[in-house]
Amino acid sequence: MTVETTGVPDQLAEAMVGMMVKGSTLAQIAATVGLPIPVCHERMSAHLDSMATSMSVVQMRMLQLRRLEQILPVLYEQAMSGDFATQGKNIKNLIDLIREITELMDLKKDRLRDEQVRLTQAQTQMVLATVDTLRIEMLDKVREMLNSGATLADIESMWNGTFSEVAATAVEKNSGAMIQVGQGAGPVELTPI
């Protein structure tokens, strides 16, 4: 693939990118083509940007899967018909290809562990929401008492008598929250019922 600059393919940029792929540094490429380093960098960047695809990650994954699936029957036939000539390399290549497909499709992921992490996050958020509710309600009660001219003894008495009641209400308020788990679950958010 070549970059078009004002209608003319930029074959030099493609060649410079090829040199970098083979391990040349930008300074070595600039010396080879006789251009300043910033010019080489700019042309190579433009070439690489023009090669960017507009396909989504899912589309690229499915395209890659299709490529691998086309190789699979060939390797399978070679491995099953006898791998004496290649000294077992086709069987190894077949296993490597199957591993590559497994990794590409994210089949090795431990879904149970992921769901346990999500549930732990939800429990933590529930505890924090409960504590926050408790803090706000108790702070409001203390402010009311201070505005009405209550003494420290009155506030302590209210606190000792009301804290457990407000805490129980806060826990009850957040206990009905639900979390979505499984495939397609979004970020952890508590949804009160």
N, C-alpha and C. Protein backbone atom coordinates (compact mmCIF):
# COMPACT_ATOMS: atom_id res chain seq x y z
N MET A 1 0.85 -1.17 0.00
CA MET A 1 0.00 0.00 0.00
C MET A 1 0.90 1.23 0.00
N THR A 2 0.55 2.21 -0.81
CA THR A 2 1.36 3.44 -0.88
C THR A 2 0.50 4.63 -0.53
N VAL A 3 1.15 5.65 0.02
CA VAL A 3 0.46 6.87 0.40
C VAL A 3 0.37 7.77 -0.82
N GLU A 4 -0.75 8.41 -0.98
CA GLU A 4 -0.88 9.36 -2.08
C GLU A 4 -0.70 10.76 -1.53
N THR A 5 0.25 11.49 -2.07
CA THR A 5 0.47 12.88 -1.73
C THR A 5 0.27 13.67 -3.01
N THR A 6 -0.77 14.47 -3.02
CA THR A 6 -1.14 15.22 -4.23
C THR A 6 -1.25 14.31 -5.44
N GLY A 7 -1.89 13.16 -5.26
CA GLY A 7 -2.14 12.26 -6.38
C GLY A 7 -0.99 11.35 -6.76
N VAL A 8 0.18 11.52 -6.14
CA VAL A 8 1.35 10.71 -6.48
C VAL A 8 1.62 9.74 -5.32
N PRO A 9 1.73 8.44 -5.57
CA PRO A 9 2.03 7.51 -4.48
C PRO A 9 3.39 7.83 -3.85
N ASP A 10 3.44 7.78 -2.52
CA ASP A 10 4.68 8.06 -1.80
C ASP A 10 5.41 6.74 -1.56
N GLN A 11 6.07 6.27 -2.60
CA GLN A 11 6.78 5.00 -2.52
C GLN A 11 8.00 5.09 -1.61
N LEU A 12 8.59 6.28 -1.50
CA LEU A 12 9.73 6.45 -0.62
C LEU A 12 9.32 6.25 0.84
N ALA A 13 8.14 6.79 1.21
CA ALA A 13 7.65 6.61 2.59
C ALA A 13 7.44 5.14 2.88
N GLU A 14 6.88 4.43 1.91
CA GLU A 14 6.67 2.99 2.08
C GLU A 14 8.00 2.26 2.25
N ALA A 15 9.01 2.65 1.48
CA ALA A 15 10.33 2.04 1.59
C ALA A 15 10.97 2.36 2.93
N MET A 16 10.79 3.60 3.41
CA MET A 16 11.36 3.98 4.71
C MET A 16 10.71 3.19 5.85
N VAL A 17 9.39 3.01 5.77
CA VAL A 17 8.70 2.21 6.79
C VAL A 17 9.22 0.78 6.73
N GLY A 18 9.45 0.27 5.52
CA GLY A 18 10.02 -1.07 5.36
C GLY A 18 11.39 -1.19 6.01
N MET A 19 12.21 -0.15 5.88
CA MET A 19 13.53 -0.17 6.52
C MET A 19 13.40 -0.19 8.04
N MET A 20 12.45 0.58 8.56
CA MET A 20 12.26 0.60 10.01
C MET A 20 11.76 -0.75 10.51
N VAL A 21 10.89 -1.39 9.73
CA VAL A 21 10.39 -2.72 10.10
C VAL A 21 11.54 -3.71 10.20
N LYS A 22 12.53 -3.54 9.35
CA LYS A 22 13.69 -4.45 9.35
C LYS A 22 14.72 -4.09 10.40
N GLY A 23 14.47 -3.01 11.18
CA GLY A 23 15.35 -2.70 12.30
C GLY A 23 16.20 -1.46 12.16
N SER A 24 16.09 -0.73 11.07
CA SER A 24 16.87 0.49 10.92
C SER A 24 16.33 1.59 11.83
N THR A 25 17.23 2.42 12.33
CA THR A 25 16.80 3.56 13.14
C THR A 25 16.40 4.70 12.21
N LEU A 26 15.74 5.69 12.78
CA LEU A 26 15.32 6.84 11.98
C LEU A 26 16.53 7.58 11.41
N ALA A 27 17.60 7.67 12.19
CA ALA A 27 18.82 8.33 11.72
C ALA A 27 19.44 7.57 10.55
N GLN A 28 19.45 6.23 10.64
CA GLN A 28 20.00 5.42 9.55
C GLN A 28 19.15 5.57 8.29
N ILE A 29 17.84 5.61 8.46
CA ILE A 29 16.94 5.77 7.31
C ILE A 29 17.17 7.13 6.66
N ALA A 30 17.28 8.18 7.48
CA ALA A 30 17.50 9.53 6.95
C ALA A 30 18.81 9.60 6.17
N ALA A 31 19.85 8.95 6.70
CA ALA A 31 21.15 8.95 6.01
C ALA A 31 21.06 8.18 4.70
N THR A 32 20.31 7.08 4.69
CA THR A 32 20.18 6.25 3.48
C THR A 32 19.44 6.99 2.37
N VAL A 33 18.33 7.66 2.72
CA VAL A 33 17.52 8.32 1.68
C VAL A 33 17.95 9.76 1.42
N GLY A 34 18.81 10.31 2.28
CA GLY A 34 19.33 11.65 2.05
C GLY A 34 18.36 12.76 2.40
N LEU A 35 17.46 12.50 3.34
CA LEU A 35 16.51 13.52 3.79
C LEU A 35 16.74 13.81 5.27
N PRO A 36 16.36 15.00 5.73
CA PRO A 36 16.48 15.29 7.17
C PRO A 36 15.55 14.37 7.99
N ILE A 37 15.96 14.12 9.21
CA ILE A 37 15.19 13.21 10.08
C ILE A 37 13.73 13.69 10.24
N PRO A 38 13.47 14.99 10.49
CA PRO A 38 12.06 15.40 10.64
C PRO A 38 11.22 15.14 9.39
N VAL A 39 11.80 15.29 8.21
CA VAL A 39 11.07 15.03 6.97
C VAL A 39 10.76 13.55 6.85
N CYS A 40 11.74 12.71 7.16
CA CYS A 40 11.52 11.25 7.13
C CYS A 40 10.42 10.86 8.10
N HIS A 41 10.50 11.42 9.30
CA HIS A 41 9.50 11.09 10.32
C HIS A 41 8.11 11.50 9.87
N GLU A 42 7.98 12.70 9.32
CA GLU A 42 6.68 13.20 8.88
C GLU A 42 6.10 12.34 7.76
N ARG A 43 6.94 11.98 6.78
CA ARG A 43 6.45 11.18 5.66
C ARG A 43 6.08 9.76 6.10
N MET A 44 6.89 9.19 7.00
CA MET A 44 6.57 7.85 7.49
C MET A 44 5.28 7.87 8.32
N SER A 45 5.11 8.91 9.14
CA SER A 45 3.89 9.03 9.95
C SER A 45 2.66 9.15 9.06
N ALA A 46 2.76 9.99 8.02
CA ALA A 46 1.64 10.15 7.10
C ALA A 46 1.32 8.83 6.40
N HIS A 47 2.36 8.08 6.03
CA HIS A 47 2.15 6.79 5.38
C HIS A 47 1.44 5.82 6.33
N LEU A 48 1.92 5.74 7.57
CA LEU A 48 1.31 4.83 8.54
C LEU A 48 -0.13 5.24 8.87
N ASP A 49 -0.38 6.56 8.98
CA ASP A 49 -1.74 7.04 9.24
C ASP A 49 -2.68 6.66 8.11
N SER A 50 -2.19 6.71 6.87
CA SER A 50 -3.05 6.38 5.73
C SER A 50 -3.39 4.89 5.69
N MET A 51 -2.57 4.09 6.37
CA MET A 51 -2.82 2.65 6.38
C MET A 51 -3.80 2.25 7.49
N ALA A 52 -4.14 3.19 8.38
CA ALA A 52 -5.04 2.87 9.48
C ALA A 52 -6.39 2.43 8.93
N THR A 53 -6.97 1.45 9.57
CA THR A 53 -8.23 0.90 9.11
C THR A 53 -9.40 1.53 9.85
N SER A 54 -10.53 1.56 9.22
CA SER A 54 -11.73 2.08 9.88
C SER A 54 -12.58 0.95 10.45
N MET A 55 -12.05 -0.27 10.41
CA MET A 55 -12.79 -1.40 10.95
C MET A 55 -12.78 -1.35 12.47
N SER A 56 -13.85 -1.84 13.07
CA SER A 56 -13.92 -1.91 14.52
C SER A 56 -13.04 -3.06 15.00
N VAL A 57 -12.79 -3.09 16.29
CA VAL A 57 -11.98 -4.16 16.87
C VAL A 57 -12.64 -5.52 16.63
N VAL A 58 -13.96 -5.55 16.76
CA VAL A 58 -14.68 -6.82 16.55
C VAL A 58 -14.53 -7.27 15.10
N GLN A 59 -14.65 -6.34 14.16
CA GLN A 59 -14.50 -6.69 12.75
C GLN A 59 -13.08 -7.18 12.46
N MET A 60 -12.08 -6.50 13.03
CA MET A 60 -10.70 -6.93 12.81
C MET A 60 -10.46 -8.30 13.44
N ARG A 61 -11.04 -8.54 14.61
CA ARG A 61 -10.90 -9.85 15.26
C ARG A 61 -11.53 -10.94 14.39
N MET A 62 -12.70 -10.67 13.84
CA MET A 62 -13.37 -11.67 13.00
C MET A 62 -12.61 -11.90 11.69
N LEU A 63 -12.03 -10.86 11.13
CA LEU A 63 -11.21 -11.01 9.93
C LEU A 63 -9.99 -11.87 10.23
N GLN A 64 -9.35 -11.59 11.36
CA GLN A 64 -8.18 -12.37 11.76
C GLN A 64 -8.58 -13.83 12.02
N LEU A 65 -9.73 -14.03 12.65
CA LEU A 65 -10.22 -15.39 12.90
C LEU A 65 -10.43 -16.12 11.58
N ARG A 66 -11.01 -15.43 10.61
CA ARG A 66 -11.24 -16.05 9.28
C ARG A 66 -9.93 -16.46 8.64
N ARG A 67 -8.91 -15.61 8.74
CA ARG A 67 -7.60 -15.96 8.19
C ARG A 67 -7.04 -17.22 8.85
N LEU A 68 -7.13 -17.26 10.18
CA LEU A 68 -6.61 -18.42 10.90
C LEU A 68 -7.41 -19.68 10.58
N GLU A 69 -8.72 -19.52 10.43
CA GLU A 69 -9.56 -20.68 10.11
C GLU A 69 -9.25 -21.25 8.73
N GLN A 70 -8.78 -20.41 7.81
CA GLN A 70 -8.41 -20.91 6.50
C GLN A 70 -7.13 -21.72 6.54
N ILE A 71 -6.25 -21.42 7.48
CA ILE A 71 -4.99 -22.15 7.63
C ILE A 71 -5.22 -23.49 8.35
N LEU A 72 -6.19 -23.51 9.25
CA LEU A 72 -6.43 -24.67 10.10
C LEU A 72 -6.61 -25.98 9.35
N PRO A 73 -7.47 -26.06 8.32
CA PRO A 73 -7.65 -27.36 7.64
C PRO A 73 -6.37 -27.85 6.94
N VAL A 74 -5.59 -26.91 6.43
CA VAL A 74 -4.35 -27.29 5.75
C VAL A 74 -3.38 -27.92 6.75
N LEU A 75 -3.18 -27.25 7.88
CA LEU A 75 -2.29 -27.79 8.90
C LEU A 75 -2.82 -29.10 9.46
N TYR A 76 -4.13 -29.19 9.63
CA TYR A 76 -4.73 -30.41 10.17
C TYR A 76 -4.46 -31.59 9.24
N GLU A 77 -4.67 -31.39 7.96
CA GLU A 77 -4.43 -32.47 6.98
C GLU A 77 -2.96 -32.89 6.98
N GLN A 78 -2.07 -31.93 6.99
CA GLN A 78 -0.64 -32.25 6.99
C GLN A 78 -0.25 -33.01 8.26
N ALA A 79 -0.78 -32.57 9.39
CA ALA A 79 -0.43 -33.23 10.66
C ALA A 79 -1.02 -34.63 10.73
N MET A 80 -2.24 -34.81 10.24
CA MET A 80 -2.91 -36.11 10.33
C MET A 80 -2.38 -37.11 9.29
N SER A 81 -1.84 -36.62 8.19
CA SER A 81 -1.33 -37.54 7.16
C SER A 81 0.08 -38.02 7.47
N GLY A 82 0.61 -37.59 8.53
CA GLY A 82 1.96 -38.02 8.92
C GLY A 82 2.89 -36.83 8.92
N ASP A 83 3.56 -36.67 10.01
CA ASP A 83 4.40 -35.50 10.20
C ASP A 83 5.88 -35.89 10.23
N PHE A 84 6.20 -36.98 9.50
CA PHE A 84 7.57 -37.48 9.53
C PHE A 84 8.54 -36.54 8.81
N ALA A 85 8.12 -36.00 7.68
CA ALA A 85 9.01 -35.16 6.89
C ALA A 85 9.37 -33.86 7.62
N THR A 86 8.43 -33.34 8.37
CA THR A 86 8.68 -32.09 9.07
C THR A 86 9.07 -32.30 10.53
N GLN A 87 9.26 -33.54 10.91
CA GLN A 87 9.70 -33.91 12.26
C GLN A 87 8.80 -33.34 13.36
N GLY A 88 7.52 -33.42 13.15
CA GLY A 88 6.55 -33.00 14.16
C GLY A 88 6.25 -31.52 14.17
N LYS A 89 6.80 -30.75 13.24
CA LYS A 89 6.59 -29.29 13.25
C LYS A 89 5.15 -28.93 12.90
N ASN A 90 4.51 -29.72 12.03
CA ASN A 90 3.13 -29.38 11.67
C ASN A 90 2.18 -29.58 12.83
N ILE A 91 2.44 -30.58 13.66
CA ILE A 91 1.59 -30.77 14.84
C ILE A 91 1.78 -29.59 15.78
N LYS A 92 3.02 -29.18 15.98
CA LYS A 92 3.28 -28.00 16.83
C LYS A 92 2.63 -26.76 16.24
N ASN A 93 2.74 -26.59 14.92
CA ASN A 93 2.12 -25.44 14.26
C ASN A 93 0.59 -25.47 14.42
N LEU A 94 0.01 -26.68 14.34
CA LEU A 94 -1.43 -26.83 14.50
C LEU A 94 -1.84 -26.44 15.93
N ILE A 95 -1.10 -26.92 16.90
CA ILE A 95 -1.39 -26.58 18.30
C ILE A 95 -1.22 -25.08 18.53
N ASP A 96 -0.18 -24.49 17.97
CA ASP A 96 0.05 -23.05 18.10
C ASP A 96 -1.10 -22.25 17.47
N LEU A 97 -1.59 -22.73 16.32
CA LEU A 97 -2.70 -22.06 15.65
C LEU A 97 -3.97 -22.13 16.50
N ILE A 98 -4.22 -23.29 17.09
CA ILE A 98 -5.39 -23.43 17.96
C ILE A 98 -5.25 -22.50 19.17
N ARG A 99 -4.07 -22.40 19.73
CA ARG A 99 -3.84 -21.48 20.85
C ARG A 99 -4.06 -20.03 20.42
N GLU A 100 -3.60 -19.70 19.23
CA GLU A 100 -3.77 -18.34 18.71
C GLU A 100 -5.26 -18.01 18.57
N ILE A 101 -6.04 -18.94 18.06
CA ILE A 101 -7.49 -18.72 17.93
C ILE A 101 -8.12 -18.57 19.32
N THR A 102 -7.70 -19.42 20.25
CA THR A 102 -8.21 -19.35 21.62
C THR A 102 -7.93 -17.99 22.24
N GLU A 103 -6.71 -17.50 22.05
CA GLU A 103 -6.35 -16.19 22.60
C GLU A 103 -7.10 -15.07 21.90
N LEU A 104 -7.21 -15.15 20.57
CA LEU A 104 -7.90 -14.12 19.80
C LEU A 104 -9.36 -13.99 20.25
N MET A 105 -10.00 -15.12 20.51
CA MET A 105 -11.41 -15.10 20.89
C MET A 105 -11.60 -14.95 22.41
N ASP A 106 -10.49 -14.81 23.15
CA ASP A 106 -10.53 -14.57 24.59
C ASP A 106 -11.24 -15.71 25.32
N LEU A 107 -10.94 -16.93 24.93
CA LEU A 107 -11.60 -18.10 25.50
C LEU A 107 -10.95 -18.58 26.79
N LYS A 108 -9.76 -18.09 27.10
CA LYS A 108 -9.08 -18.55 28.30
C LYS A 108 -9.44 -17.72 29.53
N LYS A 109 -10.23 -16.70 29.33
CA LYS A 109 -10.57 -15.80 30.42
C LYS A 109 -11.40 -16.53 31.47
N ASP A 110 -11.10 -16.28 32.72
CA ASP A 110 -11.83 -16.90 33.82
C ASP A 110 -13.03 -16.01 34.16
N ARG A 111 -14.17 -16.33 33.59
CA ARG A 111 -15.37 -15.51 33.77
C ARG A 111 -15.83 -15.49 35.23
N LEU A 112 -15.72 -16.62 35.91
CA LEU A 112 -16.15 -16.67 37.30
C LEU A 112 -15.34 -15.70 38.15
N ARG A 113 -14.03 -15.67 37.94
CA ARG A 113 -13.19 -14.74 38.70
C ARG A 113 -13.58 -13.30 38.39
N ASP A 114 -13.86 -13.01 37.12
CA ASP A 114 -14.26 -11.66 36.75
C ASP A 114 -15.56 -11.26 37.44
N GLU A 115 -16.51 -12.19 37.51
CA GLU A 115 -17.79 -11.89 38.16
C GLU A 115 -17.60 -11.72 39.66
N GLN A 116 -16.68 -12.48 40.25
CA GLN A 116 -16.40 -12.31 41.67
C GLN A 116 -15.82 -10.92 41.94
N VAL A 117 -14.96 -10.47 41.05
CA VAL A 117 -14.40 -9.12 41.19
C VAL A 117 -15.51 -8.09 41.09
N ARG A 118 -16.43 -8.27 40.14
CA ARG A 118 -17.55 -7.33 39.98
C ARG A 118 -18.42 -7.31 41.23
N LEU A 119 -18.69 -8.48 41.80
CA LEU A 119 -19.51 -8.54 43.00
C LEU A 119 -18.82 -7.86 44.18
N THR A 120 -17.51 -8.06 44.28
CA THR A 120 -16.76 -7.39 45.35
C THR A 120 -16.82 -5.88 45.18
N GLN A 121 -16.69 -5.41 43.94
CA GLN A 121 -16.81 -3.98 43.68
C GLN A 121 -18.19 -3.47 44.07
N ALA A 122 -19.22 -4.24 43.75
CA ALA A 122 -20.59 -3.84 44.08
C ALA A 122 -20.79 -3.80 45.59
N GLN A 123 -20.26 -4.80 46.29
CA GLN A 123 -20.39 -4.82 47.75
C GLN A 123 -19.68 -3.61 48.36
N THR A 124 -18.51 -3.30 47.84
CA THR A 124 -17.77 -2.14 48.34
C THR A 124 -18.56 -0.87 48.11
N GLN A 125 -19.13 -0.73 46.91
CA GLN A 125 -19.93 0.46 46.62
C GLN A 125 -21.16 0.53 47.52
N MET A 126 -21.75 -0.63 47.82
CA MET A 126 -22.92 -0.64 48.69
C MET A 126 -22.54 -0.19 50.11
N VAL A 127 -21.42 -0.67 50.61
CA VAL A 127 -20.97 -0.26 51.95
C VAL A 127 -20.68 1.24 51.95
N LEU A 128 -19.99 1.72 50.92
CA LEU A 128 -19.68 3.15 50.86
C LEU A 128 -20.94 4.00 50.76
N ALA A 129 -21.92 3.54 49.98
CA ALA A 129 -23.18 4.28 49.87
C ALA A 129 -23.92 4.30 51.20
N THR A 130 -23.89 3.18 51.92
CA THR A 130 -24.54 3.11 53.23
C THR A 130 -23.87 4.06 54.21
N VAL A 131 -22.54 4.03 54.25
CA VAL A 131 -21.79 4.91 55.16
C VAL A 131 -22.05 6.38 54.80
N ASP A 132 -22.11 6.67 53.51
CA ASP A 132 -22.35 8.04 53.08
C ASP A 132 -23.74 8.50 53.51
N THR A 133 -24.74 7.64 53.34
CA THR A 133 -26.10 7.97 53.76
C THR A 133 -26.15 8.21 55.27
N LEU A 134 -25.49 7.34 56.02
CA LEU A 134 -25.43 7.46 57.47
C LEU A 134 -24.76 8.78 57.88
N ARG A 135 -23.66 9.09 57.24
CA ARG A 135 -22.92 10.31 57.56
C ARG A 135 -23.78 11.55 57.31
N ILE A 136 -24.45 11.59 56.17
CA ILE A 136 -25.26 12.76 55.82
C ILE A 136 -26.43 12.92 56.78
N GLU A 137 -27.13 11.83 57.10
CA GLU A 137 -28.29 11.93 57.99
C GLU A 137 -27.87 12.33 59.41
N MET A 138 -26.78 11.76 59.89
CA MET A 138 -26.32 12.10 61.25
C MET A 138 -25.82 13.55 61.29
N LEU A 139 -25.14 13.98 60.24
CA LEU A 139 -24.66 15.36 60.19
C LEU A 139 -25.84 16.33 60.19
N ASP A 140 -26.90 16.00 59.46
CA ASP A 140 -28.10 16.85 59.44
C ASP A 140 -28.72 16.95 60.82
N LYS A 141 -28.79 15.83 61.54
CA LYS A 141 -29.37 15.83 62.89
C LYS A 141 -28.52 16.66 63.85
N VAL A 142 -27.19 16.55 63.76
CA VAL A 142 -26.31 17.34 64.62
C VAL A 142 -26.47 18.82 64.31
N ARG A 143 -26.56 19.17 63.04
CA ARG A 143 -26.75 20.59 62.65
C ARG A 143 -28.07 21.13 63.21
N GLU A 144 -29.13 20.34 63.10
CA GLU A 144 -30.43 20.77 63.63
C GLU A 144 -30.33 21.06 65.12
N MET A 145 -29.63 20.15 65.84
CA MET A 145 -29.51 20.33 67.28
C MET A 145 -28.65 21.54 67.63
N LEU A 146 -27.58 21.74 66.87
CA LEU A 146 -26.72 22.90 67.12
C LEU A 146 -27.48 24.20 66.86
N ASN A 147 -28.28 24.22 65.81
CA ASN A 147 -29.07 25.42 65.46
C ASN A 147 -30.15 25.69 66.51
N SER A 148 -30.60 24.64 67.19
CA SER A 148 -31.63 24.84 68.22
C SER A 148 -31.02 25.11 69.59
N GLY A 149 -29.69 25.20 69.67
CA GLY A 149 -29.01 25.54 70.92
C GLY A 149 -28.77 24.36 71.85
N ALA A 150 -28.71 23.15 71.32
CA ALA A 150 -28.50 21.96 72.15
C ALA A 150 -27.09 21.95 72.72
N THR A 151 -26.94 21.30 73.86
CA THR A 151 -25.64 21.16 74.50
C THR A 151 -24.92 19.92 73.98
N LEU A 152 -23.67 19.80 74.35
CA LEU A 152 -22.89 18.63 73.95
C LEU A 152 -23.51 17.35 74.51
N ALA A 153 -24.02 17.41 75.73
CA ALA A 153 -24.66 16.25 76.35
C ALA A 153 -25.91 15.85 75.57
N ASP A 154 -26.67 16.85 75.10
CA ASP A 154 -27.87 16.57 74.31
C ASP A 154 -27.49 15.89 72.98
N ILE A 155 -26.42 16.36 72.35
CA ILE A 155 -25.96 15.79 71.08
C ILE A 155 -25.48 14.36 71.28
N GLU A 156 -24.72 14.14 72.39
CA GLU A 156 -24.25 12.78 72.67
C GLU A 156 -25.42 11.84 72.92
N SER A 157 -26.40 12.30 73.63
CA SER A 157 -27.60 11.49 73.92
C SER A 157 -28.33 11.15 72.62
N MET A 158 -28.52 12.18 71.78
CA MET A 158 -29.17 11.94 70.49
C MET A 158 -28.36 10.95 69.67
N TRP A 159 -27.05 11.13 69.65
CA TRP A 159 -26.16 10.27 68.86
C TRP A 159 -26.31 8.81 69.31
N ASN A 160 -26.22 8.59 70.63
CA ASN A 160 -26.30 7.23 71.16
C ASN A 160 -27.67 6.59 70.91
N GLY A 161 -28.71 7.38 70.90
CA GLY A 161 -30.04 6.84 70.70
C GLY A 161 -30.44 6.72 69.24
N THR A 162 -29.84 7.52 68.37
CA THR A 162 -30.27 7.59 66.97
C THR A 162 -29.34 6.89 66.00
N PHE A 163 -28.07 6.77 66.34
CA PHE A 163 -27.08 6.25 65.40
C PHE A 163 -27.45 4.87 64.87
N SER A 164 -27.78 3.95 65.75
CA SER A 164 -28.09 2.59 65.29
C SER A 164 -29.35 2.56 64.45
N GLU A 165 -30.31 3.40 64.78
CA GLU A 165 -31.56 3.48 64.00
C GLU A 165 -31.28 4.02 62.58
N VAL A 166 -30.49 5.09 62.50
CA VAL A 166 -30.15 5.68 61.20
C VAL A 166 -29.28 4.70 60.39
N ALA A 167 -28.37 3.99 61.07
CA ALA A 167 -27.52 3.01 60.38
C ALA A 167 -28.37 1.89 59.80
N ALA A 168 -29.33 1.40 60.56
CA ALA A 168 -30.22 0.32 60.08
C ALA A 168 -31.02 0.79 58.87
N THR A 169 -31.50 2.03 58.93
CA THR A 169 -32.26 2.59 57.80
C THR A 169 -31.37 2.71 56.56
N ALA A 170 -30.13 3.16 56.75
CA ALA A 170 -29.20 3.31 55.62
C ALA A 170 -28.88 1.96 54.99
N VAL A 171 -28.67 0.94 55.83
CA VAL A 171 -28.40 -0.40 55.31
C VAL A 171 -29.60 -0.91 54.53
N GLU A 172 -30.80 -0.73 55.10
CA GLU A 172 -32.02 -1.19 54.43
C GLU A 172 -32.22 -0.46 53.11
N LYS A 173 -31.93 0.82 53.11
CA LYS A 173 -32.10 1.64 51.89
C LYS A 173 -31.22 1.12 50.75
N ASN A 174 -30.01 0.65 51.06
CA ASN A 174 -29.08 0.20 50.03
C ASN A 174 -29.06 -1.32 49.84
N SER A 175 -29.78 -2.06 50.66
CA SER A 175 -29.71 -3.52 50.57
C SER A 175 -30.43 -4.08 49.35
N GLY A 176 -31.38 -3.35 48.81
CA GLY A 176 -32.12 -3.84 47.65
C GLY A 176 -31.45 -3.52 46.33
N ALA A 177 -30.25 -2.98 46.38
CA ALA A 177 -29.56 -2.60 45.14
C ALA A 177 -29.23 -3.84 44.35
N MET A 178 -29.23 -3.69 43.04
CA MET A 178 -28.92 -4.82 42.16
C MET A 178 -27.70 -4.48 41.33
N ILE A 179 -26.99 -5.52 40.93
CA ILE A 179 -25.86 -5.35 40.03
C ILE A 179 -26.04 -6.32 38.89
N GLN A 180 -25.72 -5.87 37.70
CA GLN A 180 -25.82 -6.72 36.53
C GLN A 180 -24.51 -7.47 36.35
N VAL A 181 -24.59 -8.79 36.19
CA VAL A 181 -23.41 -9.61 35.97
C VAL A 181 -23.60 -10.41 34.70
N GLY A 182 -22.55 -11.02 34.24
CA GLY A 182 -22.63 -11.85 33.04
C GLY A 182 -22.23 -11.07 31.81
N GLN A 183 -22.34 -11.74 30.68
CA GLN A 183 -21.95 -11.14 29.41
C GLN A 183 -22.80 -9.92 29.12
N GLY A 184 -22.16 -8.84 28.72
CA GLY A 184 -22.85 -7.61 28.38
C GLY A 184 -23.08 -6.69 29.56
N ALA A 185 -22.64 -7.09 30.76
CA ALA A 185 -22.80 -6.22 31.93
C ALA A 185 -21.91 -5.00 31.77
N GLY A 186 -22.47 -3.86 32.07
CA GLY A 186 -21.72 -2.62 31.96
C GLY A 186 -20.88 -2.38 33.21
N PRO A 187 -20.43 -1.14 33.41
CA PRO A 187 -19.66 -0.84 34.60
C PRO A 187 -20.49 -1.08 35.86
N VAL A 188 -19.80 -1.33 36.96
CA VAL A 188 -20.49 -1.62 38.22
C VAL A 188 -21.24 -0.38 38.67
N GLU A 189 -22.56 -0.49 38.73
CA GLU A 189 -23.40 0.60 39.23
C GLU A 189 -24.50 -0.05 40.06
N LEU A 190 -24.74 0.49 41.23
CA LEU A 190 -25.80 -0.02 42.06
C LEU A 190 -27.10 0.62 41.63
N THR A 191 -28.13 -0.20 41.41
CA THR A 191 -29.42 0.29 41.00
C THR A 191 -30.41 -0.03 42.09
N PRO A 192 -30.86 0.98 42.86
CA PRO A 192 -31.84 0.70 43.91
C PRO A 192 -33.14 0.17 43.32
N ILE A 193 -33.76 -0.75 44.01
CA ILE A 193 -35.03 -1.32 43.53
C ILE A 193 -36.16 -0.41 43.93
